[in-house]
Structure formats: structure tokens, C-alpha cells
Amino acid sequence: LMGRYEKAKTYHKQALAIRLSQLGEKHPSI
């Protein structure tokens, strides 16, 4: 939302990696 897209992408990728490791592939958080 602040227009800092590369930083946003980095954080979203980190969040996705953690969620995949803890929740599996079919969770709503994924």
C-alpha cells in the first residue's frame, strides 16, 4: 500500500514459506 513493492514481495514470500511449512498446501492462509 505504501508503494514499496520489492519489500512487500520479500515479506509475502517469507510469510508463504512459513505457512506452507506449518499448514500444508490447502489452508486458507496459504
mmCIF file of all heavy atoms, coordinates in Angstrom:
data_MODEL
# 
_entry.id   MODEL 
# 
loop_
_atom_site.group_PDB 
_atom_site.id 
_atom_site.type_symbol 
_atom_site.label_atom_id 
_atom_site.label_alt_id 
_atom_site.label_comp_id 
_atom_site.label_asym_id 
_atom_site.label_entity_id 
_atom_site.label_seq_id 
_atom_site.pdbx_PDB_ins_code 
_atom_site.Cartn_x 
_atom_site.Cartn_y 
_atom_site.Cartn_z 
_atom_site.occupancy 
_atom_site.B_iso_or_equiv 
_atom_site.pdbx_formal_charge 
_atom_site.auth_seq_id 
_atom_site.auth_comp_id 
_atom_site.auth_asym_id 
_atom_site.auth_atom_id 
_atom_site.pdbx_PDB_model_num 
ATOM 1   N N   . LEU A 1 1  ? 0.815  -1.209  0.000  1.00 0.00 ? 1  LEU A N   1 
ATOM 2   C CA  . LEU A 1 1  ? 0.000  0.000   0.000  1.00 0.00 ? 1  LEU A CA  1 
ATOM 3   C C   . LEU A 1 1  ? 0.855  1.267   0.000  1.00 0.00 ? 1  LEU A C   1 
ATOM 4   O O   . LEU A 1 1  ? 0.436  2.310   -0.507 1.00 0.00 ? 1  LEU A O   1 
ATOM 5   C CB  . LEU A 1 1  ? -0.926 -0.001  1.213  1.00 0.00 ? 1  LEU A CB  1 
ATOM 6   C CG  . LEU A 1 1  ? -2.068 -1.018  1.158  1.00 0.00 ? 1  LEU A CG  1 
ATOM 7   C CD1 . LEU A 1 1  ? -2.718 -1.169  2.525  1.00 0.00 ? 1  LEU A CD1 1 
ATOM 8   C CD2 . LEU A 1 1  ? -3.099 -0.613  0.117  1.00 0.00 ? 1  LEU A CD2 1 
ATOM 9   N N   . MET A 1 2  ? 2.056  1.167   0.555  1.00 0.00 ? 2  MET A N   1 
ATOM 10  C CA  . MET A 1 2  ? 2.966  2.313   0.587  1.00 0.00 ? 2  MET A CA  1 
ATOM 11  C C   . MET A 1 2  ? 3.762  2.439   -0.718 1.00 0.00 ? 2  MET A C   1 
ATOM 12  O O   . MET A 1 2  ? 4.578  3.350   -0.859 1.00 0.00 ? 2  MET A O   1 
ATOM 13  C CB  . MET A 1 2  ? 3.915  2.180   1.772  1.00 0.00 ? 2  MET A CB  1 
ATOM 14  C CG  . MET A 1 2  ? 3.210  2.243   3.130  1.00 0.00 ? 2  MET A CG  1 
ATOM 15  S SD  . MET A 1 2  ? 4.302  1.841   4.540  1.00 0.00 ? 2  MET A SD  1 
ATOM 16  C CE  . MET A 1 2  ? 5.274  3.354   4.644  1.00 0.00 ? 2  MET A CE  1 
ATOM 17  N N   . GLY A 1 3  ? 3.539  1.511   -1.652 1.00 0.00 ? 3  GLY A N   1 
ATOM 18  C CA  . GLY A 1 3  ? 4.223  1.569   -2.935 1.00 0.00 ? 3  GLY A CA  1 
ATOM 19  C C   . GLY A 1 3  ? 5.627  1.000   -2.919 1.00 0.00 ? 3  GLY A C   1 
ATOM 20  O O   . GLY A 1 3  ? 6.379  1.172   -3.883 1.00 0.00 ? 3  GLY A O   1 
ATOM 21  N N   . ARG A 1 4  ? 5.987  0.285   -1.867 1.00 0.00 ? 4  ARG A N   1 
ATOM 22  C CA  . ARG A 1 4  ? 7.333  -0.305  -1.749 1.00 0.00 ? 4  ARG A CA  1 
ATOM 23  C C   . ARG A 1 4  ? 7.217  -1.780  -2.124 1.00 0.00 ? 4  ARG A C   1 
ATOM 24  O O   . ARG A 1 4  ? 7.221  -2.683  -1.283 1.00 0.00 ? 4  ARG A O   1 
ATOM 25  C CB  . ARG A 1 4  ? 7.852  -0.086  -0.325 1.00 0.00 ? 4  ARG A CB  1 
ATOM 26  C CG  . ARG A 1 4  ? 7.995  1.404   -0.006 1.00 0.00 ? 4  ARG A CG  1 
ATOM 27  C CD  . ARG A 1 4  ? 8.049  1.709   1.480  1.00 0.00 ? 4  ARG A CD  1 
ATOM 28  N NE  . ARG A 1 4  ? 9.281  1.223   2.089  1.00 0.00 ? 4  ARG A NE  1 
ATOM 29  C CZ  . ARG A 1 4  ? 9.604  1.442   3.374  1.00 0.00 ? 4  ARG A CZ  1 
ATOM 30  N NH1 . ARG A 1 4  ? 8.765  2.138   4.151  1.00 0.00 ? 4  ARG A NH1 1 
ATOM 31  N NH2 . ARG A 1 4  ? 10.724 0.978   3.873  1.00 0.00 ? 4  ARG A NH2 1 
ATOM 32  N N   . TYR A 1 5  ? 7.131  -2.018  -3.423 1.00 0.00 ? 5  TYR A N   1 
ATOM 33  C CA  . TYR A 1 5  ? 6.701  -3.318  -3.918 1.00 0.00 ? 5  TYR A CA  1 
ATOM 34  C C   . TYR A 1 5  ? 7.732  -4.428  -3.711 1.00 0.00 ? 5  TYR A C   1 
ATOM 35  O O   . TYR A 1 5  ? 7.365  -5.570  -3.413 1.00 0.00 ? 5  TYR A O   1 
ATOM 36  C CB  . TYR A 1 5  ? 6.318  -3.209  -5.394 1.00 0.00 ? 5  TYR A CB  1 
ATOM 37  C CG  . TYR A 1 5  ? 5.180  -2.248  -5.657 1.00 0.00 ? 5  TYR A CG  1 
ATOM 38  C CD1 . TYR A 1 5  ? 5.223  -1.353  -6.722 1.00 0.00 ? 5  TYR A CD1 1 
ATOM 39  C CD2 . TYR A 1 5  ? 4.063  -2.222  -4.816 1.00 0.00 ? 5  TYR A CD2 1 
ATOM 40  C CE1 . TYR A 1 5  ? 4.181  -0.463  -6.952 1.00 0.00 ? 5  TYR A CE1 1 
ATOM 41  C CE2 . TYR A 1 5  ? 3.024  -1.334  -5.038 1.00 0.00 ? 5  TYR A CE2 1 
ATOM 42  C CZ  . TYR A 1 5  ? 3.087  -0.454  -6.111 1.00 0.00 ? 5  TYR A CZ  1 
ATOM 43  O OH  . TYR A 1 5  ? 2.062  0.431   -6.334 1.00 0.00 ? 5  TYR A OH  1 
ATOM 44  N N   . GLU A 1 6  ? 8.996  -4.133  -3.878 1.00 0.00 ? 6  GLU A N   1 
ATOM 45  C CA  . GLU A 1 6  ? 10.007 -5.176  -3.701 1.00 0.00 ? 6  GLU A CA  1 
ATOM 46  C C   . GLU A 1 6  ? 10.062 -5.633  -2.239 1.00 0.00 ? 6  GLU A C   1 
ATOM 47  O O   . GLU A 1 6  ? 10.195 -6.834  -1.960 1.00 0.00 ? 6  GLU A O   1 
ATOM 48  C CB  . GLU A 1 6  ? 11.382 -4.682  -4.165 1.00 0.00 ? 6  GLU A CB  1 
ATOM 49  C CG  . GLU A 1 6  ? 11.516 -4.595  -5.676 1.00 0.00 ? 6  GLU A CG  1 
ATOM 50  C CD  . GLU A 1 6  ? 11.196 -5.920  -6.371 1.00 0.00 ? 6  GLU A CD  1 
ATOM 51  O OE1 . GLU A 1 6  ? 11.726 -6.962  -5.932 1.00 0.00 ? 6  GLU A OE1 1 
ATOM 52  O OE2 . GLU A 1 6  ? 10.416 -5.908  -7.332 1.00 0.00 ? 6  GLU A OE2 1 
ATOM 53  N N   . LYS A 1 7  ? 9.952  -4.691  -1.339 1.00 0.00 ? 7  LYS A N   1 
ATOM 54  C CA  . LYS A 1 7  ? 9.937  -5.038  0.074  1.00 0.00 ? 7  LYS A CA  1 
ATOM 55  C C   . LYS A 1 7  ? 8.686  -5.848  0.407  1.00 0.00 ? 7  LYS A C   1 
ATOM 56  O O   . LYS A 1 7  ? 8.739  -6.823  1.181  1.00 0.00 ? 7  LYS A O   1 
ATOM 57  C CB  . LYS A 1 7  ? 9.998  -3.772  0.928  1.00 0.00 ? 7  LYS A CB  1 
ATOM 58  C CG  . LYS A 1 7  ? 10.437 -4.005  2.366  1.00 0.00 ? 7  LYS A CG  1 
ATOM 59  C CD  . LYS A 1 7  ? 10.832 -2.693  3.037  1.00 0.00 ? 7  LYS A CD  1 
ATOM 60  C CE  . LYS A 1 7  ? 11.406 -2.963  4.429  1.00 0.00 ? 7  LYS A CE  1 
ATOM 61  N NZ  . LYS A 1 7  ? 11.881 -1.739  5.080  1.00 0.00 ? 7  LYS A NZ  1 
ATOM 62  N N   . ALA A 1 8  ? 7.576  -5.457  -0.177 1.00 0.00 ? 8  ALA A N   1 
ATOM 63  C CA  . ALA A 1 8  ? 6.327  -6.196  0.029  1.00 0.00 ? 8  ALA A CA  1 
ATOM 64  C C   . ALA A 1 8  ? 6.462  -7.631  -0.468 1.00 0.00 ? 8  ALA A C   1 
ATOM 65  O O   . ALA A 1 8  ? 6.045  -8.583  0.212  1.00 0.00 ? 8  ALA A O   1 
ATOM 66  C CB  . ALA A 1 8  ? 5.181  -5.491  -0.692 1.00 0.00 ? 8  ALA A CB  1 
ATOM 67  N N   . LYS A 1 9  ? 7.034  -7.793  -1.647 1.00 0.00 ? 9  LYS A N   1 
ATOM 68  C CA  . LYS A 1 9  ? 7.185  -9.142  -2.211 1.00 0.00 ? 9  LYS A CA  1 
ATOM 69  C C   . LYS A 1 9  ? 8.065  -10.014 -1.331 1.00 0.00 ? 9  LYS A C   1 
ATOM 70  O O   . LYS A 1 9  ? 7.766  -11.200 -1.103 1.00 0.00 ? 9  LYS A O   1 
ATOM 71  C CB  . LYS A 1 9  ? 7.778  -9.046  -3.625 1.00 0.00 ? 9  LYS A CB  1 
ATOM 72  C CG  . LYS A 1 9  ? 7.922  -10.399 -4.315 1.00 0.00 ? 9  LYS A CG  1 
ATOM 73  C CD  . LYS A 1 9  ? 8.213  -10.245 -5.802 1.00 0.00 ? 9  LYS A CD  1 
ATOM 74  C CE  . LYS A 1 9  ? 9.547  -9.598  -6.065 1.00 0.00 ? 9  LYS A CE  1 
ATOM 75  N NZ  . LYS A 1 9  ? 9.873  -9.552  -7.494 1.00 0.00 ? 9  LYS A NZ  1 
ATOM 76  N N   . THR A 1 10 ? 9.139  -9.452  -0.809 1.00 0.00 ? 10 THR A N   1 
ATOM 77  C CA  . THR A 1 10 ? 10.042 -10.211 0.068  1.00 0.00 ? 10 THR A CA  1 
ATOM 78  C C   . THR A 1 10 ? 9.305  -10.725 1.298  1.00 0.00 ? 10 THR A C   1 
ATOM 79  O O   . THR A 1 10 ? 9.412  -11.908 1.659  1.00 0.00 ? 10 THR A O   1 
ATOM 80  C CB  . THR A 1 10 ? 11.227 -9.333  0.499  1.00 0.00 ? 10 THR A CB  1 
ATOM 81  O OG1 . THR A 1 10 ? 11.989 -8.973  -0.650 1.00 0.00 ? 10 THR A OG1 1 
ATOM 82  C CG2 . THR A 1 10 ? 12.131 -10.092 1.466  1.00 0.00 ? 10 THR A CG2 1 
ATOM 83  N N   . TYR A 1 11 ? 8.520  -9.859  1.933  1.00 0.00 ? 11 TYR A N   1 
ATOM 84  C CA  . TYR A 1 11 ? 7.797  -10.258 3.139  1.00 0.00 ? 11 TYR A CA  1 
ATOM 85  C C   . TYR A 1 11 ? 6.710  -11.292 2.813  1.00 0.00 ? 11 TYR A C   1 
ATOM 86  O O   . TYR A 1 11 ? 6.500  -12.246 3.580  1.00 0.00 ? 11 TYR A O   1 
ATOM 87  C CB  . TYR A 1 11 ? 7.191  -9.049  3.838  1.00 0.00 ? 11 TYR A CB  1 
ATOM 88  C CG  . TYR A 1 11 ? 8.164  -8.357  4.760  1.00 0.00 ? 11 TYR A CG  1 
ATOM 89  C CD1 . TYR A 1 11 ? 8.622  -7.065  4.498  1.00 0.00 ? 11 TYR A CD1 1 
ATOM 90  C CD2 . TYR A 1 11 ? 8.625  -8.997  5.915  1.00 0.00 ? 11 TYR A CD2 1 
ATOM 91  C CE1 . TYR A 1 11 ? 9.519  -6.431  5.357  1.00 0.00 ? 11 TYR A CE1 1 
ATOM 92  C CE2 . TYR A 1 11 ? 9.522  -8.362  6.773  1.00 0.00 ? 11 TYR A CE2 1 
ATOM 93  C CZ  . TYR A 1 11 ? 9.965  -7.085  6.483  1.00 0.00 ? 11 TYR A CZ  1 
ATOM 94  O OH  . TYR A 1 11 ? 10.860 -6.474  7.336  1.00 0.00 ? 11 TYR A OH  1 
ATOM 95  N N   . HIS A 1 12 ? 6.018  -11.117 1.706  1.00 0.00 ? 12 HIS A N   1 
ATOM 96  C CA  . HIS A 1 12 ? 4.975  -12.078 1.347  1.00 0.00 ? 12 HIS A CA  1 
ATOM 97  C C   . HIS A 1 12 ? 5.566  -13.451 1.038  1.00 0.00 ? 12 HIS A C   1 
ATOM 98  O O   . HIS A 1 12 ? 4.968  -14.484 1.371  1.00 0.00 ? 12 HIS A O   1 
ATOM 99  C CB  . HIS A 1 12 ? 4.159  -11.570 0.165  1.00 0.00 ? 12 HIS A CB  1 
ATOM 100 C CG  . HIS A 1 12 ? 3.125  -10.540 0.534  1.00 0.00 ? 12 HIS A CG  1 
ATOM 101 N ND1 . HIS A 1 12 ? 2.323  -10.665 1.648  1.00 0.00 ? 12 HIS A ND1 1 
ATOM 102 C CD2 . HIS A 1 12 ? 2.769  -9.371  -0.063 1.00 0.00 ? 12 HIS A CD2 1 
ATOM 103 C CE1 . HIS A 1 12 ? 1.516  -9.622  1.714  1.00 0.00 ? 12 HIS A CE1 1 
ATOM 104 N NE2 . HIS A 1 12 ? 1.768  -8.831  0.705  1.00 0.00 ? 12 HIS A NE2 1 
ATOM 105 N N   . LYS A 1 13 ? 6.711  -13.487 0.416  1.00 0.00 ? 13 LYS A N   1 
ATOM 106 C CA  . LYS A 1 13 ? 7.363  -14.773 0.148  1.00 0.00 ? 13 LYS A CA  1 
ATOM 107 C C   . LYS A 1 13 ? 7.793  -15.457 1.450  1.00 0.00 ? 13 LYS A C   1 
ATOM 108 O O   . LYS A 1 13 ? 7.666  -16.683 1.594  1.00 0.00 ? 13 LYS A O   1 
ATOM 109 C CB  . LYS A 1 13 ? 8.574  -14.574 -0.769 1.00 0.00 ? 13 LYS A CB  1 
ATOM 110 C CG  . LYS A 1 13 ? 8.205  -14.341 -2.231 1.00 0.00 ? 13 LYS A CG  1 
ATOM 111 C CD  . LYS A 1 13 ? 9.449  -14.266 -3.100 1.00 0.00 ? 13 LYS A CD  1 
ATOM 112 C CE  . LYS A 1 13 ? 9.092  -14.194 -4.574 1.00 0.00 ? 13 LYS A CE  1 
ATOM 113 N NZ  . LYS A 1 13 ? 10.295 -14.142 -5.441 1.00 0.00 ? 13 LYS A NZ  1 
ATOM 114 N N   . GLN A 1 14 ? 8.296  -14.664 2.397  1.00 0.00 ? 14 GLN A N   1 
ATOM 115 C CA  . GLN A 1 14 ? 8.683  -15.230 3.688  1.00 0.00 ? 14 GLN A CA  1 
ATOM 116 C C   . GLN A 1 14 ? 7.464  -15.769 4.429  1.00 0.00 ? 14 GLN A C   1 
ATOM 117 O O   . GLN A 1 14 ? 7.514  -16.852 5.029  1.00 0.00 ? 14 GLN A O   1 
ATOM 118 C CB  . GLN A 1 14 ? 9.394  -14.163 4.528  1.00 0.00 ? 14 GLN A CB  1 
ATOM 119 C CG  . GLN A 1 14 ? 10.785 -13.806 4.023  1.00 0.00 ? 14 GLN A CG  1 
ATOM 120 C CD  . GLN A 1 14 ? 11.413 -12.677 4.829  1.00 0.00 ? 14 GLN A CD  1 
ATOM 121 O OE1 . GLN A 1 14 ? 10.787 -11.654 5.084  1.00 0.00 ? 14 GLN A OE1 1 
ATOM 122 N NE2 . GLN A 1 14 ? 12.655 -12.857 5.238  1.00 0.00 ? 14 GLN A NE2 1 
ATOM 123 N N   . ALA A 1 15 ? 6.370  -15.024 4.376  1.00 0.00 ? 15 ALA A N   1 
ATOM 124 C CA  . ALA A 1 15 ? 5.141  -15.472 5.034  1.00 0.00 ? 15 ALA A CA  1 
ATOM 125 C C   . ALA A 1 15 ? 4.638  -16.762 4.401  1.00 0.00 ? 15 ALA A C   1 
ATOM 126 O O   . ALA A 1 15 ? 4.228  -17.698 5.107  1.00 0.00 ? 15 ALA A O   1 
ATOM 127 C CB  . ALA A 1 15 ? 4.077  -14.385 4.932  1.00 0.00 ? 15 ALA A CB  1 
ATOM 128 N N   . LEU A 1 16 ? 4.674  -16.826 3.076  1.00 0.00 ? 16 LEU A N   1 
ATOM 129 C CA  . LEU A 1 16 ? 4.207  -18.021 2.372  1.00 0.00 ? 16 LEU A CA  1 
ATOM 130 C C   . LEU A 1 16 ? 5.043  -19.237 2.733  1.00 0.00 ? 16 LEU A C   1 
ATOM 131 O O   . LEU A 1 16 ? 4.498  -20.327 2.984  1.00 0.00 ? 16 LEU A O   1 
ATOM 132 C CB  . LEU A 1 16 ? 4.241  -17.782 0.861  1.00 0.00 ? 16 LEU A CB  1 
ATOM 133 C CG  . LEU A 1 16 ? 3.868  -18.984 -0.017 1.00 0.00 ? 16 LEU A CG  1 
ATOM 134 C CD1 . LEU A 1 16 ? 2.444  -19.444 0.273  1.00 0.00 ? 16 LEU A CD1 1 
ATOM 135 C CD2 . LEU A 1 16 ? 4.015  -18.617 -1.500 1.00 0.00 ? 16 LEU A CD2 1 
ATOM 136 N N   . ALA A 1 17 ? 6.348  -19.081 2.807  1.00 0.00 ? 17 ALA A N   1 
ATOM 137 C CA  . ALA A 1 17 ? 7.227  -20.202 3.140  1.00 0.00 ? 17 ALA A CA  1 
ATOM 138 C C   . ALA A 1 17 ? 6.923  -20.748 4.531  1.00 0.00 ? 17 ALA A C   1 
ATOM 139 O O   . ALA A 1 17 ? 6.856  -21.976 4.736  1.00 0.00 ? 17 ALA A O   1 
ATOM 140 C CB  . ALA A 1 17 ? 8.685  -19.759 3.047  1.00 0.00 ? 17 ALA A CB  1 
ATOM 141 N N   . ILE A 1 18 ? 6.726  -19.849 5.493  1.00 0.00 ? 18 ILE A N   1 
ATOM 142 C CA  . ILE A 1 18 ? 6.409  -20.282 6.854  1.00 0.00 ? 18 ILE A CA  1 
ATOM 143 C C   . ILE A 1 18 ? 5.066  -21.000 6.894  1.00 0.00 ? 18 ILE A C   1 
ATOM 144 O O   . ILE A 1 18 ? 4.921  -22.069 7.497  1.00 0.00 ? 18 ILE A O   1 
ATOM 145 C CB  . ILE A 1 18 ? 6.404  -19.076 7.817  1.00 0.00 ? 18 ILE A CB  1 
ATOM 146 C CG1 . ILE A 1 18 ? 7.816  -18.496 7.952  1.00 0.00 ? 18 ILE A CG1 1 
ATOM 147 C CG2 . ILE A 1 18 ? 5.854  -19.473 9.191  1.00 0.00 ? 18 ILE A CG2 1 
ATOM 148 C CD1 . ILE A 1 18 ? 7.857  -17.169 8.696  1.00 0.00 ? 18 ILE A CD1 1 
ATOM 149 N N   . ARG A 1 19 ? 4.085  -20.433 6.241  1.00 0.00 ? 19 ARG A N   1 
ATOM 150 C CA  . ARG A 1 19 ? 2.746  -21.022 6.269  1.00 0.00 ? 19 ARG A CA  1 
ATOM 151 C C   . ARG A 1 19 ? 2.720  -22.385 5.578  1.00 0.00 ? 19 ARG A C   1 
ATOM 152 O O   . ARG A 1 19 ? 2.051  -23.313 6.053  1.00 0.00 ? 19 ARG A O   1 
ATOM 153 C CB  . ARG A 1 19 ? 1.754  -20.055 5.618  1.00 0.00 ? 19 ARG A CB  1 
ATOM 154 C CG  . ARG A 1 19 ? 1.460  -18.840 6.492  1.00 0.00 ? 19 ARG A CG  1 
ATOM 155 C CD  . ARG A 1 19 ? 0.620  -17.789 5.794  1.00 0.00 ? 19 ARG A CD  1 
ATOM 156 N NE  . ARG A 1 19 ? 0.127  -16.815 6.749  1.00 0.00 ? 19 ARG A NE  1 
ATOM 157 C CZ  . ARG A 1 19 ? -0.630 -15.764 6.425  1.00 0.00 ? 19 ARG A CZ  1 
ATOM 158 N NH1 . ARG A 1 19 ? -0.973 -15.551 5.161  1.00 0.00 ? 19 ARG A NH1 1 
ATOM 159 N NH2 . ARG A 1 19 ? -1.059 -14.936 7.364  1.00 0.00 ? 19 ARG A NH2 1 
ATOM 160 N N   . LEU A 1 20 ? 3.432  -22.525 4.475  1.00 0.00 ? 20 LEU A N   1 
ATOM 161 C CA  . LEU A 1 20 ? 3.495  -23.821 3.803  1.00 0.00 ? 20 LEU A CA  1 
ATOM 162 C C   . LEU A 1 20 ? 4.128  -24.870 4.715  1.00 0.00 ? 20 LEU A C   1 
ATOM 163 O O   . LEU A 1 20 ? 3.665  -26.021 4.768  1.00 0.00 ? 20 LEU A O   1 
ATOM 164 C CB  . LEU A 1 20 ? 4.283  -23.709 2.498  1.00 0.00 ? 20 LEU A CB  1 
ATOM 165 C CG  . LEU A 1 20 ? 3.545  -23.087 1.311  1.00 0.00 ? 20 LEU A CG  1 
ATOM 166 C CD1 . LEU A 1 20 ? 4.512  -22.808 0.168  1.00 0.00 ? 20 LEU A CD1 1 
ATOM 167 C CD2 . LEU A 1 20 ? 2.412  -24.004 0.835  1.00 0.00 ? 20 LEU A CD2 1 
ATOM 168 N N   . SER A 1 21 ? 5.162  -24.494 5.442  1.00 0.00 ? 21 SER A N   1 
ATOM 169 C CA  . SER A 1 21 ? 5.846  -25.452 6.317  1.00 0.00 ? 21 SER A CA  1 
ATOM 170 C C   . SER A 1 21 ? 4.998  -25.842 7.517  1.00 0.00 ? 21 SER A C   1 
ATOM 171 O O   . SER A 1 21 ? 5.131  -26.960 8.033  1.00 0.00 ? 21 SER A O   1 
ATOM 172 C CB  . SER A 1 21 ? 7.186  -24.870 6.793  1.00 0.00 ? 21 SER A CB  1 
ATOM 173 O OG  . SER A 1 21 ? 6.984  -23.807 7.710  1.00 0.00 ? 21 SER A OG  1 
ATOM 174 N N   . GLN A 1 22 ? 4.108  -24.961 7.951  1.00 0.00 ? 22 GLN A N   1 
ATOM 175 C CA  . GLN A 1 22 ? 3.331  -25.216 9.161  1.00 0.00 ? 22 GLN A CA  1 
ATOM 176 C C   . GLN A 1 22 ? 1.898  -25.676 8.891  1.00 0.00 ? 22 GLN A C   1 
ATOM 177 O O   . GLN A 1 22 ? 1.312  -26.383 9.720  1.00 0.00 ? 22 GLN A O   1 
ATOM 178 C CB  . GLN A 1 22 ? 3.281  -23.937 10.015 1.00 0.00 ? 22 GLN A CB  1 
ATOM 179 C CG  . GLN A 1 22 ? 4.631  -23.435 10.485 1.00 0.00 ? 22 GLN A CG  1 
ATOM 180 C CD  . GLN A 1 22 ? 5.327  -24.398 11.424 1.00 0.00 ? 22 GLN A CD  1 
ATOM 181 O OE1 . GLN A 1 22 ? 4.707  -24.967 12.315 1.00 0.00 ? 22 GLN A OE1 1 
ATOM 182 N NE2 . GLN A 1 22 ? 6.615  -24.614 11.218 1.00 0.00 ? 22 GLN A NE2 1 
ATOM 183 N N   . LEU A 1 23 ? 1.355  -25.313 7.743  1.00 0.00 ? 23 LEU A N   1 
ATOM 184 C CA  . LEU A 1 23 ? -0.072 -25.550 7.500  1.00 0.00 ? 23 LEU A CA  1 
ATOM 185 C C   . LEU A 1 23 ? -0.363 -26.466 6.325  1.00 0.00 ? 23 LEU A C   1 
ATOM 186 O O   . LEU A 1 23 ? -1.506 -26.905 6.161  1.00 0.00 ? 23 LEU A O   1 
ATOM 187 C CB  . LEU A 1 23 ? -0.784 -24.203 7.267  1.00 0.00 ? 23 LEU A CB  1 
ATOM 188 C CG  . LEU A 1 23 ? -0.693 -23.178 8.401  1.00 0.00 ? 23 LEU A CG  1 
ATOM 189 C CD1 . LEU A 1 23 ? -1.272 -21.843 7.950  1.00 0.00 ? 23 LEU A CD1 1 
ATOM 190 C CD2 . LEU A 1 23 ? -1.413 -23.679 9.645  1.00 0.00 ? 23 LEU A CD2 1 
ATOM 191 N N   . GLY A 1 24 ? 0.632  -26.737 5.493  1.00 0.00 ? 24 GLY A N   1 
ATOM 192 C CA  . GLY A 1 24 ? 0.366  -27.518 4.294  1.00 0.00 ? 24 GLY A CA  1 
ATOM 193 C C   . GLY A 1 24 ? -0.122 -26.647 3.152  1.00 0.00 ? 24 GLY A C   1 
ATOM 194 O O   . GLY A 1 24 ? -0.197 -25.423 3.274  1.00 0.00 ? 24 GLY A O   1 
ATOM 195 N N   . GLU A 1 25 ? -0.502 -27.262 2.054  1.00 0.00 ? 25 GLU A N   1 
ATOM 196 C CA  . GLU A 1 25 ? -0.773 -26.525 0.812  1.00 0.00 ? 25 GLU A CA  1 
ATOM 197 C C   . GLU A 1 25 ? -2.213 -26.063 0.649  1.00 0.00 ? 25 GLU A C   1 
ATOM 198 O O   . GLU A 1 25 ? -2.498 -25.267 -0.250 1.00 0.00 ? 25 GLU A O   1 
ATOM 199 C CB  . GLU A 1 25 ? -0.396 -27.396 -0.390 1.00 0.00 ? 25 GLU A CB  1 
ATOM 200 C CG  . GLU A 1 25 ? 1.085  -27.743 -0.452 1.00 0.00 ? 25 GLU A CG  1 
ATOM 201 C CD  . GLU A 1 25 ? 1.424  -28.581 -1.663 1.00 0.00 ? 25 GLU A CD  1 
ATOM 202 O OE1 . GLU A 1 25 ? 0.485  -28.995 -2.381 1.00 0.00 ? 25 GLU A OE1 1 
ATOM 203 O OE2 . GLU A 1 25 ? 2.618  -28.821 -1.913 1.00 0.00 ? 25 GLU A OE2 1 
ATOM 204 N N   . LYS A 1 26 ? -3.150 -26.538 1.462  1.00 0.00 ? 26 LYS A N   1 
ATOM 205 C CA  . LYS A 1 26 ? -4.566 -26.278 1.197  1.00 0.00 ? 26 LYS A CA  1 
ATOM 206 C C   . LYS A 1 26 ? -5.242 -25.414 2.260  1.00 0.00 ? 26 LYS A C   1 
ATOM 207 O O   . LYS A 1 26 ? -6.460 -25.295 2.285  1.00 0.00 ? 26 LYS A O   1 
ATOM 208 C CB  . LYS A 1 26 ? -5.322 -27.619 1.084  1.00 0.00 ? 26 LYS A CB  1 
ATOM 209 C CG  . LYS A 1 26 ? -4.871 -28.489 -0.075 1.00 0.00 ? 26 LYS A CG  1 
ATOM 210 C CD  . LYS A 1 26 ? -5.145 -27.821 -1.412 1.00 0.00 ? 26 LYS A CD  1 
ATOM 211 C CE  . LYS A 1 26 ? -4.762 -28.720 -2.572 1.00 0.00 ? 26 LYS A CE  1 
ATOM 212 N NZ  . LYS A 1 26 ? -5.020 -28.051 -3.875 1.00 0.00 ? 26 LYS A NZ  1 
ATOM 213 N N   . HIS A 1 27 ? -4.475 -24.806 3.145  1.00 0.00 ? 27 HIS A N   1 
ATOM 214 C CA  . HIS A 1 27 ? -5.055 -23.991 4.211  1.00 0.00 ? 27 HIS A CA  1 
ATOM 215 C C   . HIS A 1 27 ? -5.474 -22.620 3.658  1.00 0.00 ? 27 HIS A C   1 
ATOM 216 O O   . HIS A 1 27 ? -4.810 -22.077 2.766  1.00 0.00 ? 27 HIS A O   1 
ATOM 217 C CB  . HIS A 1 27 ? -4.028 -23.815 5.336  1.00 0.00 ? 27 HIS A CB  1 
ATOM 218 C CG  . HIS A 1 27 ? -4.608 -23.288 6.600  1.00 0.00 ? 27 HIS A CG  1 
ATOM 219 N ND1 . HIS A 1 27 ? -4.804 -21.939 6.820  1.00 0.00 ? 27 HIS A ND1 1 
ATOM 220 C CD2 . HIS A 1 27 ? -5.042 -23.920 7.718  1.00 0.00 ? 27 HIS A CD2 1 
ATOM 221 C CE1 . HIS A 1 27 ? -5.324 -21.772 8.017  1.00 0.00 ? 27 HIS A CE1 1 
ATOM 222 N NE2 . HIS A 1 27 ? -5.473 -22.951 8.593  1.00 0.00 ? 27 HIS A NE2 1 
ATOM 223 N N   . PRO A 1 28 ? -6.573 -22.026 4.180  1.00 0.00 ? 28 PRO A N   1 
ATOM 224 C CA  . PRO A 1 28 ? -6.980 -20.685 3.725  1.00 0.00 ? 28 PRO A CA  1 
ATOM 225 C C   . PRO A 1 28 ? -5.882 -19.631 3.854  1.00 0.00 ? 28 PRO A C   1 
ATOM 226 O O   . PRO A 1 28 ? -5.838 -18.690 3.042  1.00 0.00 ? 28 PRO A O   1 
ATOM 227 C CB  . PRO A 1 28 ? -8.168 -20.362 4.637  1.00 0.00 ? 28 PRO A CB  1 
ATOM 228 C CG  . PRO A 1 28 ? -8.754 -21.692 4.969  1.00 0.00 ? 28 PRO A CG  1 
ATOM 229 C CD  . PRO A 1 28 ? -7.572 -22.623 5.087  1.00 0.00 ? 28 PRO A CD  1 
ATOM 230 N N   . SER A 1 29 ? -5.000 -19.771 4.838  1.00 0.00 ? 29 SER A N   1 
ATOM 231 C CA  . SER A 1 29 ? -3.901 -18.805 4.967  1.00 0.00 ? 29 SER A CA  1 
ATOM 232 C C   . SER A 1 29 ? -2.933 -18.892 3.794  1.00 0.00 ? 29 SER A C   1 
ATOM 233 O O   . SER A 1 29 ? -2.317 -17.881 3.417  1.00 0.00 ? 29 SER A O   1 
ATOM 234 C CB  . SER A 1 29 ? -3.148 -19.035 6.283  1.00 0.00 ? 29 SER A CB  1 
ATOM 235 O OG  . SER A 1 29 ? -3.955 -18.699 7.389  1.00 0.00 ? 29 SER A OG  1 
ATOM 236 N N   . ILE A 1 30 ? -2.803 -20.078 3.221  1.00 0.00 ? 30 ILE A N   1 
ATOM 237 C CA  . ILE A 1 30 ? -1.968 -20.227 2.017  1.00 0.00 ? 30 ILE A CA  1 
ATOM 238 C C   . ILE A 1 30 ? -2.615 -19.483 0.859  1.00 0.00 ? 30 ILE A C   1 
ATOM 239 O O   . ILE A 1 30 ? -1.946 -18.781 0.086  1.00 0.00 ? 30 ILE A O   1 
ATOM 240 C CB  . ILE A 1 30 ? -1.780 -21.720 1.669  1.00 0.00 ? 30 ILE A CB  1 
ATOM 241 C CG1 . ILE A 1 30 ? -1.174 -22.490 2.844  1.00 0.00 ? 30 ILE A CG1 1 
ATOM 242 C CG2 . ILE A 1 30 ? -0.920 -21.867 0.418  1.00 0.00 ? 30 ILE A CG2 1 
ATOM 243 C CD1 . ILE A 1 30 ? 0.172  -22.011 3.295  1.00 0.00 ? 30 ILE A CD1 1 
# 
